[in-house]
Amino acid sequence: MGHRLAPPKLDPEMNPNPETNERTNLGHEDEEITSIEMLLSDGLKRKGEERLRKERLRRRCENQT
């Protein structure tokens, strides 16, 4: 059986109302998520460009033989 992760500990400054279990300062988190999404997007774009470059090189080599 897999291990269950413990629930995150609540920081009173981050969560002034523990009864609702809602976090009130999500602005920083949103910025973090956006930057992660941008990094992923850049990485996928580079990977696609690399794949195209390799494919073109492979075709060029095939055409020479």
Foldseek 3Di string as FASTA:
>chain_A
DDDDDDPDDDDCVQPVDVVVPDGDPCPVVVVVVVVVVVVVVVVVVVVVVVVVVVVVVVVVVVVVD
